[in-house]
Protein backbone atom coordinates (compact mmCIF):
# COMPACT_ATOMS: atom_id res chain seq x y z
CA LEU A 1 5.75 9.15 54.94
CA HIS A 2 5.27 12.72 56.04
CA GLY A 3 3.82 14.77 53.20
CA GLY A 4 2.35 11.83 51.31
CA ILE A 5 -1.28 12.32 50.25
CA GLY A 6 -1.87 9.09 48.34
CA ALA A 7 -0.02 6.12 46.90
CA GLY A 8 -0.66 3.16 44.64
CA LEU A 9 0.75 0.76 42.07
CA GLU A 10 0.71 1.18 38.31
CA TRP A 11 2.67 -0.48 35.49
CA GLN A 12 2.48 -1.58 31.85
CA LEU A 13 2.05 -5.31 31.36
CA GLY A 14 4.67 -6.85 29.14
CA SER A 15 7.67 -4.93 27.91
CA GLN A 16 7.38 -1.36 26.66
CA GLY A 17 5.13 -1.29 23.62
CA THR A 18 3.58 -4.74 24.20
CA LEU A 19 0.04 -5.00 22.86
CA PHE A 20 -2.51 -7.64 23.84
CA PRO A 21 -5.42 -8.95 21.73
CA VAL A 22 -8.68 -7.57 23.14
CA SER A 23 -12.04 -8.62 21.73
CA ARG A 24 -15.72 -8.65 22.61
CA ILE A 25 -16.13 -12.32 21.72
CA PRO A 26 -14.41 -15.27 23.44
CA GLN A 27 -12.44 -16.59 20.48
CA ALA A 28 -9.00 -15.00 20.81
CA GLY A 29 -7.81 -13.44 17.59
CA GLN A 30 -11.30 -13.12 16.11
CA THR A 31 -11.93 -9.42 15.47
CA ALA A 32 -9.42 -8.60 18.22
CA VAL A 33 -7.96 -5.15 18.63
CA SER A 34 -4.35 -4.88 19.81
CA LEU A 35 -4.21 -2.66 22.90
CA PRO A 36 -1.78 -1.90 25.72
CA VAL A 37 -2.81 -3.21 29.14
CA THR A 38 -1.97 -1.37 32.36
CA ALA A 39 -2.26 -2.88 35.82
CA ALA A 40 -3.14 -0.48 38.61
CA SER A 41 -4.28 -0.68 42.19
CA ALA A 42 -7.28 1.40 43.26
CA GLY A 43 -4.78 3.75 44.92
CA GLY A 44 -2.85 4.01 41.65
CA LEU A 45 -6.03 5.09 39.84
CA ALA A 46 -6.51 7.85 42.42
CA VAL A 47 -2.91 9.06 42.11
CA ILE A 48 -3.06 9.37 38.30
CA GLY A 49 -6.38 11.21 38.63
CA ALA A 50 -8.47 8.67 36.69
CA ARG A 51 -12.06 9.81 36.06
CA VAL A 52 -14.83 7.96 34.25
CA SER A 53 -17.38 9.17 31.71
CA ALA A 54 -19.50 6.02 32.21
CA GLY A 55 -19.69 3.47 35.01
CA ARG A 56 -17.26 3.56 37.90
CA LEU A 57 -13.66 2.87 38.84
CA TYR A 58 -12.96 -0.47 40.48
CA ASP A 59 -12.35 -0.26 44.22
CA ALA A 60 -9.83 -1.70 46.69
CA GLY A 61 -12.13 -4.67 47.44
CA MET A 62 -12.27 -5.68 43.78
CA ASP A 63 -8.51 -5.26 43.67
CA ARG A 64 -7.88 -7.48 46.76
CA ARG A 65 -10.20 -10.21 45.48
CA ALA A 66 -8.54 -10.19 42.05
CA ASP A 67 -11.96 -9.64 40.47
CA MET A 68 -11.89 -10.00 36.72
CA VAL A 69 -12.93 -6.41 36.04
CA ALA A 70 -11.45 -3.83 33.71
CA LEU A 71 -11.61 -0.19 32.81
CA LEU A 72 -11.40 0.89 29.20
CA GLY A 73 -9.68 4.07 28.19
CA SER A 74 -11.97 6.25 26.07
CA VAL A 75 -9.90 5.61 22.92
CA ALA A 76 -9.94 1.83 23.51
CA ALA A 77 -13.70 1.90 24.17
CA ASP A 78 -14.25 3.66 20.82
CA ARG A 79 -12.10 1.08 19.02
CA LEU A 80 -14.10 -1.75 20.60
CA GLY A 81 -17.47 -0.08 19.96
CA ILE A 82 -18.36 0.17 23.65
CA THR A 83 -20.22 3.36 24.55
CA GLY A 84 -21.44 2.55 28.06
CA VAL A 85 -21.42 -0.04 30.81
CA GLY A 86 -25.16 -0.40 31.43
CA ASP A 87 -25.25 -3.89 29.89
CA SER A 88 -22.09 -4.95 31.81
CA PRO A 89 -20.02 -5.52 28.67
CA VAL A 90 -17.31 -8.17 28.76
CA VAL A 91 -13.99 -7.95 26.95
CA TYR A 92 -11.59 -10.82 26.44
CA ILE A 93 -7.92 -10.03 26.91
CA GLY A 94 -5.98 -12.88 25.36
CA GLY A 95 -8.98 -15.13 26.01
CA ALA A 96 -9.53 -14.16 29.69
CA PRO A 97 -12.95 -12.53 30.32
CA PHE A 98 -13.12 -9.15 32.11
CA THR A 99 -16.31 -7.27 32.98
CA VAL A 100 -16.01 -3.59 32.05
CA THR A 101 -16.92 -1.42 35.05
CA GLY A 102 -16.11 1.98 33.57
CA ILE A 103 -14.77 4.05 30.70
CA VAL A 104 -11.90 6.33 31.71
CA ASN A 105 -11.97 9.66 29.90
CA ARG A 106 -9.43 11.54 32.04
CA ALA A 107 -6.09 10.60 33.65
CA PRO A 108 -3.93 13.74 33.77
CA LEU A 109 -0.85 12.08 35.29
CA ASP A 110 -0.88 9.17 32.81
CA PRO A 111 -2.91 10.03 29.70
CA GLY A 112 -1.52 6.94 27.94
CA VAL A 113 -4.03 4.75 29.80
CA LEU A 114 -6.82 6.26 27.68
CA ALA A 115 -5.58 4.22 24.72
CA GLY A 116 -5.79 0.84 26.44
CA VAL A 117 -7.26 -1.36 29.14
CA ILE A 118 -6.66 -1.03 32.90
CA VAL A 119 -6.98 -4.08 35.16
CA PRO A 120 -6.55 -4.51 38.92
CA ASP A 121 -3.00 -5.45 39.85
CA LEU A 122 -3.91 -8.92 41.18
CA ALA A 123 -6.00 -9.72 38.08
CA ALA A 124 -3.00 -8.93 35.86
CA VAL A 125 -1.82 -12.52 36.31
CA ALA A 126 -4.69 -13.69 34.06
CA VAL A 127 -3.35 -11.46 31.28
CA ALA A 128 0.42 -11.70 31.57
CA GLY A 129 1.16 -14.67 33.83
CA SER A 130 2.59 -14.49 37.33
CA ARG A 131 6.18 -13.56 36.42
CA ALA A 132 5.31 -10.95 33.79
CA ALA A 133 2.56 -9.48 35.97
CA ALA A 134 5.14 -8.65 38.65
CA ASP A 135 7.74 -7.01 36.38
CA ASN A 136 8.17 -3.24 36.16
CA ARG A 137 5.90 -2.34 39.07
CA GLN A 138 5.93 1.31 40.03
CA ILE A 139 4.76 2.85 43.27
CA LEU A 140 3.28 6.26 42.58
CA VAL A 141 3.09 8.75 45.42
CA ARG A 142 1.16 12.02 45.41
CA THR A 143 2.62 14.50 47.88
CA ALA A 144 1.66 17.77 49.47
CA PRO A 145 3.35 20.81 47.88
CA GLY A 146 7.01 20.93 48.88
CA ALA A 147 7.17 17.35 50.18
CA ALA A 148 8.29 15.53 47.00
CA GLN A 149 12.02 15.86 47.70
CA LEU A 150 11.75 14.46 51.24
CA THR A 151 9.36 11.68 50.20
CA GLY A 152 11.63 10.72 47.32
CA ARG A 153 14.65 10.45 49.61
CA GLN A 154 12.82 8.53 52.37
CA GLY A 155 10.70 6.32 50.09
CA PRO A 156 13.34 3.67 49.30
CA TYR A 157 13.98 3.19 53.05
CA ALA A 158 10.26 2.81 53.75
CA ILE A 159 9.82 0.29 50.92
CA ASP A 160 12.91 -1.85 51.61
CA PRO A 161 14.75 -0.79 54.78
CA LEU A 162 17.41 -3.50 54.37
CA HIS A 163 18.17 -2.77 50.70
CA PRO A 164 17.12 0.82 49.93
CA GLY A 165 19.68 1.03 47.13
CA GLN A 166 17.69 -1.55 45.16
CA VAL A 167 14.70 0.82 44.97
CA ALA A 168 14.98 3.52 42.32
CA ALA A 169 13.15 6.76 43.10
CA GLU A 170 12.41 9.34 40.44
CA ILE A 171 12.20 12.66 42.23
CA PRO A 172 10.94 15.78 40.48
CA VAL A 173 13.27 18.76 40.27
CA ASP A 174 13.39 20.85 43.42
CA PRO A 175 11.34 24.00 42.66
CA ALA A 176 13.88 26.28 44.42
CA ARG A 177 16.78 24.90 42.33
CA LEU A 178 14.68 25.15 39.17
CA ARG A 179 13.91 28.80 39.92
CA GLU A 180 17.61 29.52 40.55
CA SER A 181 18.57 27.80 37.30
CA VAL A 182 16.00 29.76 35.28
CA SER A 183 17.08 33.04 36.91
CA ALA A 184 20.72 32.30 36.18
CA SER A 185 19.88 31.50 32.55
CA LEU A 186 17.98 34.76 32.14
């Protein structure tokens, strides 16, 4: 779409507030920490502005291959006692092993991911099953200044041209209307 700078998928696994047992040893439930798990494509990580303090973000290739890799938010890494990724630490999410590739310390458009684990969208099936891994998907789009309104109106048609009404788009407030509203209030 005209004005789009980047796009990707991101969503919470399970229903809102669902926590998954995450441990550093294979026996599920043994010294497990309950953490939220977010699935995100490599593009989704870029849109939310994810940055790492150690290691690296997973890339589109890892995402396409459904590699069993994960990113830990900085808060989750502290809770699990993981300070770096030099030894290629492994965490078990509900018994499924994931190699930690990085520790995310910044995600300005979704700071909630710092408290949990982030996995590639195709690897989410190992955590939540095929049906649950597909629920609540969100397409995030970063736009050029002034293009959000147009992108938000055209997006549902680009995603599903035959049924655009089945795609919900959350469009930020038009800056011109916001300015008028504030001026009127003052």
